[in-house]
C-alpha atoms as a PDB file:
ATOM      1  CA  MET A   1      23.461  17.516   1.743  1.00  0.00           C
ATOM      2  CA  ARG A   2      20.138  16.235   3.122  1.00  0.00           C
ATOM      3  CA  ILE A   3      17.556  16.110   0.326  1.00  0.00           C
ATOM      4  CA  LEU A   4      13.846  15.396   0.679  1.00  0.00           C
ATOM      5  CA  LEU A   5      12.059  14.209  -2.454  1.00  0.00           C
ATOM      6  CA  ILE A   6       8.296  14.541  -2.475  1.00  0.00           C
ATOM      7  CA  GLY A   7       6.951  11.768  -4.667  1.00  0.00           C
ATOM      8  CA  GLY A   8      10.331  10.142  -5.210  1.00  0.00           C
ATOM      9  CA  ASN A   9       8.959   6.712  -6.128  1.00  0.00           C
ATOM     10  CA  GLY A  10       7.900   7.477  -9.686  1.00  0.00           C
ATOM     11  CA  PHE A  11       9.760   7.269 -12.951  1.00  0.00           C
ATOM     12  CA  ILE A  12      11.828  10.421 -12.466  1.00  0.00           C
ATOM     13  CA  GLY A  13      12.195   9.984  -8.717  1.00  0.00           C
ATOM     14  CA  ARG A  14      13.961   6.632  -8.948  1.00  0.00           C
ATOM     15  CA  PHE A  15      16.594   8.110 -11.262  1.00  0.00           C
ATOM     16  CA  ALA A  16      16.971  11.178  -9.019  1.00  0.00           C
ATOM     17  CA  VAL A  17      17.395   8.961  -5.934  1.00  0.00           C
ATOM     18  CA  SER A  18      20.053   6.901  -7.673  1.00  0.00           C
ATOM     19  CA  VAL A  19      22.093   9.925  -8.764  1.00  0.00           C
ATOM     20  CA  LEU A  20      21.749  11.754  -5.446  1.00  0.00           C
ATOM     21  CA  THR A  21      22.760   8.760  -3.329  1.00  0.00           C
ATOM     22  CA  GLN A  22      25.713   8.015  -5.639  1.00  0.00           C
ATOM     23  CA  GLN A  23      26.849  11.592  -5.025  1.00  0.00           C
ATOM     24  CA  GLY A  24      26.796  10.942  -1.288  1.00  0.00           C
ATOM     25  CA  HIS A  25      23.660  12.857  -0.337  1.00  0.00           C
ATOM     26  CA  ALA A  26      21.344  11.681   2.429  1.00  0.00           C
ATOM     27  CA  VAL A  27      17.984  11.231   0.714  1.00  0.00           C
ATOM     28  CA  ALA A  28      14.476  10.819   2.117  1.00  0.00           C
ATOM     29  CA  VAL A  29      11.391  10.073   0.041  1.00  0.00           C
ATOM     30  CA  PHE A  30       8.022  11.422   1.169  1.00  0.00           C
ATOM     31  CA  HIS A  31       5.200   9.406  -0.399  1.00  0.00           C
ATOM     32  CA  ARG A  32       1.824   7.762   0.201  1.00  0.00           C
ATOM     33  CA  GLY A  33       3.313   4.295   0.562  1.00  0.00           C
ATOM     34  CA  THR A  34       1.553   2.647  -2.356  1.00  0.00           C
ATOM     35  CA  THR A  35       4.923   1.304  -3.560  1.00  0.00           C
ATOM     36  CA  ALA A  36       8.174   0.642  -1.742  1.00  0.00           C
ATOM     37  CA  ALA A  37      10.706   3.444  -1.489  1.00  0.00           C
ATOM     38  CA  PRO A  38      13.982   2.924  -3.344  1.00  0.00           C
ATOM     39  CA  ALA A  39      16.665   1.057  -1.416  1.00  0.00           C
ATOM     40  CA  GLY A  40      19.101   3.134   0.601  1.00  0.00           C
ATOM     41  CA  VAL A  41      16.826   6.082   1.358  1.00  0.00           C
ATOM     42  CA  GLU A  42      14.817   7.124   4.366  1.00  0.00           C
ATOM     43  CA  GLU A  43      11.094   6.675   3.849  1.00  0.00           C
ATOM     44  CA  ILE A  44       8.502   9.097   5.176  1.00  0.00           C
ATOM     45  CA  ARG A  45       4.929   8.065   4.469  1.00  0.00           C
ATOM     46  CA  GLY A  46       2.151  10.602   4.285  1.00  0.00           C
ATOM     47  CA  ASN A  47      -0.174  12.633   2.128  1.00  0.00           C
ATOM     48  CA  ARG A  48       1.136  15.838   0.571  1.00  0.00           C
ATOM     49  CA  ASN A  49      -2.315  17.381   1.039  1.00  0.00           C
ATOM     50  CA  GLN A  50      -2.078  16.727   4.790  1.00  0.00           C
ATOM     51  CA  LEU A  51       1.537  17.631   5.555  1.00  0.00           C
ATOM     52  CA  GLY A  52       0.646  18.560   9.118  1.00  0.00           C
ATOM     53  CA  ASN A  53       0.078  14.885   9.884  1.00  0.00           C
ATOM     54  CA  SER A  54       3.717  14.110   8.962  1.00  0.00           C
ATOM     55  CA  ILE A  55       5.395  17.188  10.397  1.00  0.00           C
ATOM     56  CA  GLN A  56       7.324  15.328  13.118  1.00  0.00           C
ATOM     57  CA  GLU A  57       8.884  12.882  10.635  1.00  0.00           C
ATOM     58  CA  LEU A  58       9.707  15.709   8.218  1.00  0.00           C
ATOM     59  CA  LYS A  59      11.318  17.771  11.014  1.00  0.00           C
ATOM     60  CA  ARG A  60      13.334  14.758  12.163  1.00  0.00           C
ATOM     61  CA  PHE A  61      14.944  14.416   8.731  1.00  0.00           C
ATOM     62  CA  VAL A  62      15.902  18.135   8.642  1.00  0.00           C
ATOM     63  CA  PRO A  63      16.294  18.558   4.871  1.00  0.00           C
ATOM     64  CA  ASP A  64      18.599  21.153   3.362  1.00  0.00           C
ATOM     65  CA  VAL A  65      16.680  20.947   0.086  1.00  0.00           C
ATOM     66  CA  VAL A  66      13.148  19.835  -0.821  1.00  0.00           C
ATOM     67  CA  ILE A  67      12.414  18.717  -4.383  1.00  0.00           C
ATOM     68  CA  ASP A  68       8.765  18.236  -5.341  1.00  0.00           C
ATOM     69  CA  LEU A  69       8.442  15.658  -8.126  1.00  0.00           C
ATOM     70  CA  VAL A  70       4.655  15.470  -8.096  1.00  0.00           C
ATOM     71  CA  ILE A  71       2.601  17.211 -10.756  1.00  0.00           C
ATOM     72  CA  PRO A  72      -0.735  17.826  -9.010  1.00  0.00           C
ATOM     73  CA  ASN A  73      -2.709  18.329 -12.210  1.00  0.00           C
ATOM     74  CA  PRO A  74      -1.005  17.197 -15.450  1.00  0.00           C
ATOM     75  CA  LEU A  75      -3.728  18.822 -17.575  1.00  0.00           C
ATOM     76  CA  PHE A  76      -2.970  22.213 -16.038  1.00  0.00           C
ATOM     77  CA  TYR A  77       0.737  22.025 -16.828  1.00  0.00           C
ATOM     78  CA  SER A  78       0.367  20.532 -20.295  1.00  0.00           C
ATOM     79  CA  THR A  79      -2.201  23.206 -21.206  1.00  0.00           C
ATOM     80  CA  GLN A  80       0.026  25.985 -19.911  1.00  0.00           C
ATOM     81  CA  LEU A  81       3.012  24.650 -21.830  1.00  0.00           C
ATOM     82  CA  THR A  82       1.170  24.317 -25.137  1.00  0.00           C
ATOM     83  CA  THR A  83      -1.086  27.403 -25.030  1.00  0.00           C
ATOM     84  CA  GLY A  84       0.352  29.633 -22.340  1.00  0.00           C
ATOM     85  CA  ALA A  85      -3.038  29.795 -20.620  1.00  0.00           C
ATOM     86  CA  PRO A  86      -4.492  27.764 -17.759  1.00  0.00           C
ATOM     87  CA  PRO A  87      -7.211  25.266 -18.680  1.00  0.00           C
ATOM     88  CA  LYS A  88     -10.851  26.287 -18.510  1.00  0.00           C
ATOM     89  CA  LYS A  89     -12.826  24.933 -15.576  1.00  0.00           C
ATOM     90  CA  HIS A  90     -15.749  22.746 -16.551  1.00  0.00           C
END
């Protein structure tokens, strides 16, 4: 299977890449390029907030599955998990 990981360079992403490649999947990591992508994966550099700028590279990989490992706003998710309500805007 061809799997695209968005933000696959972080703590969880490195473990996911390792397991997925050991299972024989073709893996690509889409990231900003601030750190090197894990060995053995295809690297697609770009900004998730400007996906249109990377559309050709993303289409070339042709993923079967896309896994988003980026939490855009940790406060939002942690507040929802603990209280069940979104955080108040300041």
